Amino acid sequence: MENGAAEPVIVAIDGPSGTGKSSTSKAVAAQLGLSYLDTGAQYRAITWWMVANGIDTDDPSAIAAAAGKPEIVSGTDPAGPTITVDGVDVAGPIRTQEVTSKVSAVSAVPEVRSRITELQRSLAAGAEHGIVVEGRDIGTTVLPDADLKIFLTASAEARAARRSGELKGADVHTTKAALVARDAADSSRKTSPLAKADDAVEVDTTALTLSQVIECVVTLVEEKRAAR
């Protein structure tokens, strides 16, 4: 392209919680001038709405019936990503323990996944310079034609330590048990399980600092762009 403008690049970053996905994705998007989408926040947002509206989150048919109701809007600026439901800023409320404990069950409902997947695809398609999309099924289901797919991993111990650091004083053992349970739920669900795409590059972050992971991913994106 003229003027050295880079072609838009779509980057999918998947992996379980505590691998540094969000921090990495945001930093990579900011560094490369791309949009950023935290798909986990969208699933948390629809879960928050279900809880706030008294939908029984143990009843998949009740969840399915309500899946189309909330209006979820994601702001994709990596410097300040936003998320609203029906016009209300939910960035804080979606991070509560209550939402965290219910998000896997709500996310497993096919009607919820198809609704959110549609939102994700339209955001990716509309990203002028390209986008970094992070989640659990981006490379496999949401954006199977992404230009670059990355799967972040880390040992359960490392992930629990990072997570409990984030959760300020949470007990590492409890956190590890919760992570392992959530991975199992997300990996075994029938619709779009957490899985590594065949053509994804796996990056084990256990022994890496955040800045090393960011550098690694930025390099992979730049190589992909140069190869076009």
Protein backbone atom coordinates (compact mmCIF):
# COMPACT_ATOMS: atom_id res chain seq x y z
CA MET A 1 0.00 0.00 0.00
CA GLU A 2 1.10 3.57 -0.54
CA ASN A 3 2.55 5.85 2.13
CA GLY A 4 3.78 2.80 4.03
CA ALA A 5 0.31 2.24 5.50
CA ALA A 6 0.19 -1.31 6.77
CA GLU A 7 -2.57 -3.66 5.70
CA PRO A 8 -5.05 -4.25 8.52
CA VAL A 9 -4.01 -7.32 10.48
CA ILE A 10 -6.30 -9.51 12.56
CA VAL A 11 -4.60 -11.19 15.52
CA ALA A 12 -6.34 -13.85 17.62
CA ILE A 13 -4.92 -14.50 21.09
CA ASP A 14 -6.42 -17.42 22.99
CA GLY A 15 -5.59 -19.25 26.19
CA PRO A 16 -6.82 -19.92 29.71
CA SER A 17 -7.00 -17.24 32.43
CA GLY A 18 -3.83 -16.08 34.12
CA THR A 19 -1.59 -16.47 31.06
CA GLY A 20 -1.25 -12.70 30.65
CA LYS A 21 -3.68 -12.55 27.73
CA SER A 22 -5.32 -9.20 28.50
CA SER A 23 -2.16 -7.31 29.43
CA THR A 24 -0.33 -8.73 26.41
CA SER A 25 -3.17 -8.10 23.95
CA LYS A 26 -3.72 -4.52 25.10
CA ALA A 27 -0.01 -3.67 24.96
CA VAL A 28 0.50 -5.28 21.54
CA ALA A 29 -2.53 -3.45 20.10
CA ALA A 30 -1.32 -0.12 21.54
CA GLN A 31 2.21 -0.64 20.22
CA LEU A 32 1.08 -1.56 16.72
CA GLY A 33 -1.81 0.92 16.41
CA LEU A 34 -4.50 -1.78 16.35
CA SER A 35 -7.92 -1.96 17.96
CA TYR A 36 -8.34 -4.30 20.93
CA LEU A 37 -11.20 -6.52 22.02
CA ASP A 38 -11.49 -8.42 25.30
CA THR A 39 -14.11 -11.04 24.44
CA GLY A 40 -14.16 -12.33 28.02
CA ALA A 41 -15.55 -8.95 29.09
CA GLN A 42 -18.45 -9.43 26.66
CA TYR A 43 -19.31 -12.81 28.19
CA ARG A 44 -18.98 -11.27 31.65
CA ALA A 45 -21.26 -8.42 30.56
CA ILE A 46 -24.04 -10.72 29.39
CA THR A 47 -23.60 -12.77 32.61
CA TRP A 48 -23.81 -9.59 34.72
CA TRP A 49 -27.03 -8.64 32.89
CA MET A 50 -28.55 -12.09 33.55
CA VAL A 51 -27.72 -11.84 37.27
CA ALA A 52 -28.96 -8.22 37.50
CA ASN A 53 -32.23 -9.17 35.81
CA GLY A 54 -32.92 -12.23 37.94
CA ILE A 55 -32.42 -14.79 35.15
CA ASP A 56 -31.69 -18.24 36.63
CA THR A 57 -28.11 -18.87 35.46
CA ASP A 58 -28.50 -22.58 36.25
CA ASP A 59 -31.26 -22.82 33.63
CA PRO A 60 -29.85 -22.90 30.08
CA SER A 61 -33.28 -22.40 28.50
CA ALA A 62 -33.90 -19.25 30.56
CA ILE A 63 -30.46 -17.95 29.56
CA ALA A 64 -31.12 -18.80 25.90
CA ALA A 65 -34.48 -17.02 25.94
CA ALA A 66 -32.88 -13.81 27.29
CA ALA A 67 -29.64 -13.90 25.26
CA GLY A 68 -30.87 -11.40 22.67
CA LYS A 69 -32.11 -8.77 25.12
CA PRO A 70 -29.09 -6.86 26.50
CA GLU A 71 -27.38 -4.35 24.23
CA ILE A 72 -23.64 -4.84 24.67
CA VAL A 73 -21.25 -2.23 23.29
CA SER A 74 -17.47 -2.67 23.39
CA GLY A 75 -15.07 0.26 22.96
CA THR A 76 -11.93 -1.06 21.26
CA ASP A 77 -9.29 1.55 22.14
CA PRO A 78 -6.45 -0.40 23.83
CA ALA A 79 -5.57 2.67 25.93
CA GLY A 80 -9.04 2.70 27.45
CA PRO A 81 -11.27 -0.23 26.48
CA THR A 82 -14.87 0.25 27.57
CA ILE A 83 -17.91 -1.97 27.91
CA THR A 84 -21.52 -0.96 28.41
CA VAL A 85 -24.76 -2.89 28.73
CA ASP A 86 -27.93 -0.99 27.81
CA GLY A 87 -25.90 2.21 28.10
CA VAL A 88 -24.56 1.45 31.59
CA ASP A 89 -20.78 1.26 32.17
CA VAL A 90 -20.17 -2.23 33.57
CA ALA A 91 -16.35 -2.38 33.48
CA GLY A 92 -16.28 -2.65 37.30
CA PRO A 93 -19.34 -4.78 38.08
CA ILE A 94 -18.42 -7.53 35.56
CA ARG A 95 -15.26 -8.35 37.57
CA THR A 96 -17.07 -9.39 40.75
CA GLN A 97 -16.72 -12.89 42.18
CA GLU A 98 -20.43 -13.50 41.53
CA VAL A 99 -20.07 -12.86 37.80
CA THR A 100 -16.77 -14.80 37.67
CA SER A 101 -18.42 -17.84 39.25
CA LYS A 102 -21.30 -17.85 36.73
CA VAL A 103 -19.62 -16.82 33.48
CA SER A 104 -18.66 -20.35 32.36
CA ALA A 105 -22.26 -21.60 32.71
CA VAL A 106 -23.72 -18.64 30.83
CA SER A 107 -20.99 -18.79 28.15
CA ALA A 108 -21.70 -22.46 27.47
CA VAL A 109 -25.23 -21.73 26.21
CA PRO A 110 -25.16 -21.88 22.37
CA GLU A 111 -27.53 -18.92 21.94
CA VAL A 112 -25.22 -16.77 24.06
CA ARG A 113 -22.18 -17.84 22.08
CA SER A 114 -23.76 -17.19 18.69
CA ARG A 115 -24.96 -13.76 19.85
CA ILE A 116 -21.55 -12.73 21.21
CA THR A 117 -19.64 -14.32 18.31
CA GLU A 118 -21.67 -12.20 15.90
CA LEU A 119 -20.75 -9.05 17.87
CA GLN A 120 -17.09 -10.05 17.83
CA ARG A 121 -17.03 -10.70 14.09
CA SER A 122 -18.65 -7.37 13.28
CA LEU A 123 -16.14 -5.51 15.50
CA ALA A 124 -13.23 -7.31 13.82
CA ALA A 125 -14.62 -6.61 10.35
CA GLY A 126 -15.03 -2.93 11.17
CA ALA A 127 -11.53 -2.40 12.60
CA GLU A 128 -9.86 -0.06 10.14
CA HIS A 129 -6.23 -0.81 10.99
CA GLY A 130 -6.79 -4.30 12.28
CA ILE A 131 -7.46 -5.66 15.74
CA VAL A 132 -6.12 -7.88 18.50
CA VAL A 133 -8.95 -10.10 19.75
CA GLU A 134 -8.35 -12.11 22.91
CA GLY A 135 -10.44 -14.93 24.28
CA ARG A 136 -10.78 -18.70 24.35
CA ASP A 137 -12.22 -19.64 20.94
CA ILE A 138 -11.11 -16.80 18.68
CA GLY A 139 -8.67 -18.70 16.46
CA THR A 140 -10.87 -21.80 16.30
CA THR A 141 -14.43 -20.45 16.04
CA VAL A 142 -14.80 -16.67 15.99
CA LEU A 143 -12.08 -15.67 13.51
CA PRO A 144 -10.77 -18.89 11.94
CA ASP A 145 -9.24 -16.80 9.11
CA ALA A 146 -7.27 -14.50 11.44
CA ASP A 147 -3.90 -13.46 9.99
CA LEU A 148 -2.10 -14.63 13.10
CA LYS A 149 -3.24 -16.95 15.87
CA ILE A 150 -1.44 -17.15 19.19
CA PHE A 151 -2.18 -19.53 22.03
CA LEU A 152 -0.75 -18.45 25.39
CA THR A 153 -0.12 -21.09 28.04
CA ALA A 154 1.47 -21.16 31.49
CA SER A 155 1.65 -23.63 34.36
CA ALA A 156 -1.35 -23.68 36.69
CA GLU A 157 0.94 -22.54 39.54
CA ALA A 158 2.22 -19.50 37.62
CA ARG A 159 -1.30 -18.59 36.53
CA ALA A 160 -2.73 -18.88 40.04
CA ALA A 161 0.08 -16.74 41.45
CA ARG A 162 -0.59 -14.03 38.83
CA ARG A 163 -4.32 -14.24 39.32
CA SER A 164 -4.17 -14.00 43.12
CA GLY A 165 -1.81 -11.04 42.74
CA GLU A 166 -4.50 -9.41 40.59
CA LEU A 167 -7.21 -10.36 43.05
CA LYS A 168 -5.30 -8.65 45.89
CA GLY A 169 -4.51 -11.15 48.61
CA ALA A 170 -6.64 -14.01 47.28
CA ASP A 171 -5.40 -17.38 48.46
CA VAL A 172 -3.22 -18.98 45.76
CA HIS A 173 -4.54 -22.51 46.41
CA THR A 174 -8.17 -21.43 46.15
CA THR A 175 -7.36 -19.42 43.04
CA LYS A 176 -5.59 -22.39 41.46
CA ALA A 177 -8.56 -24.68 42.17
CA ALA A 178 -10.94 -22.12 40.63
CA LEU A 179 -8.74 -21.72 37.54
CA VAL A 180 -8.44 -25.46 37.01
CA ALA A 181 -12.21 -25.87 37.39
CA ARG A 182 -12.90 -23.05 34.95
CA ASP A 183 -10.42 -24.43 32.37
CA ALA A 184 -12.12 -27.82 32.62
CA ALA A 185 -15.56 -26.27 32.12
CA ASP A 186 -14.40 -24.11 29.20
CA SER A 187 -12.42 -26.92 27.53
CA SER A 188 -15.20 -29.50 27.77
CA ARG A 189 -18.22 -27.41 26.72
CA LYS A 190 -19.87 -28.55 23.51
CA THR A 191 -20.05 -25.15 21.82
CA SER A 192 -16.70 -23.55 20.91
CA PRO A 193 -14.54 -25.00 23.67
CA LEU A 194 -11.26 -23.46 24.80
CA ALA A 195 -8.86 -25.05 22.32
CA LYS A 196 -5.67 -24.34 20.42
CA ALA A 197 -6.14 -23.88 16.67
CA ASP A 198 -3.98 -26.17 14.52
CA ASP A 199 -2.25 -23.17 12.96
CA ALA A 200 -1.73 -21.23 16.20
CA VAL A 201 1.71 -20.35 17.55
CA GLU A 202 1.96 -21.52 21.16
CA VAL A 203 3.77 -19.22 23.59
CA ASP A 204 4.45 -20.60 27.07
CA THR A 205 4.57 -17.59 29.39
CA THR A 206 5.48 -19.47 32.60
CA ALA A 207 9.09 -18.27 32.72
CA LEU A 208 8.65 -15.03 30.77
CA THR A 209 8.08 -11.51 32.04
CA LEU A 210 5.13 -9.59 30.63
CA SER A 211 7.44 -7.41 28.54
CA GLN A 212 9.07 -10.53 27.05
CA VAL A 213 5.68 -11.95 26.08
CA ILE A 214 4.66 -8.61 24.51
CA GLU A 215 7.94 -8.42 22.58
CA CYS A 216 7.49 -11.97 21.34
CA VAL A 217 3.94 -11.33 20.09
CA VAL A 218 4.82 -7.96 18.50
CA THR A 219 7.64 -9.72 16.61
CA LEU A 220 5.25 -12.44 15.40
CA VAL A 221 2.78 -9.80 14.13
CA GLU A 222 5.53 -7.79 12.40
CA GLU A 223 6.88 -10.96 10.72
CA LYS A 224 3.37 -11.80 9.54
CA ARG A 225 2.91 -8.31 8.10
CA ALA A 226 6.32 -8.38 6.39
CA ALA A 227 5.57 -11.76 4.81
CA ARG A 228 2.54 -10.41 2.93
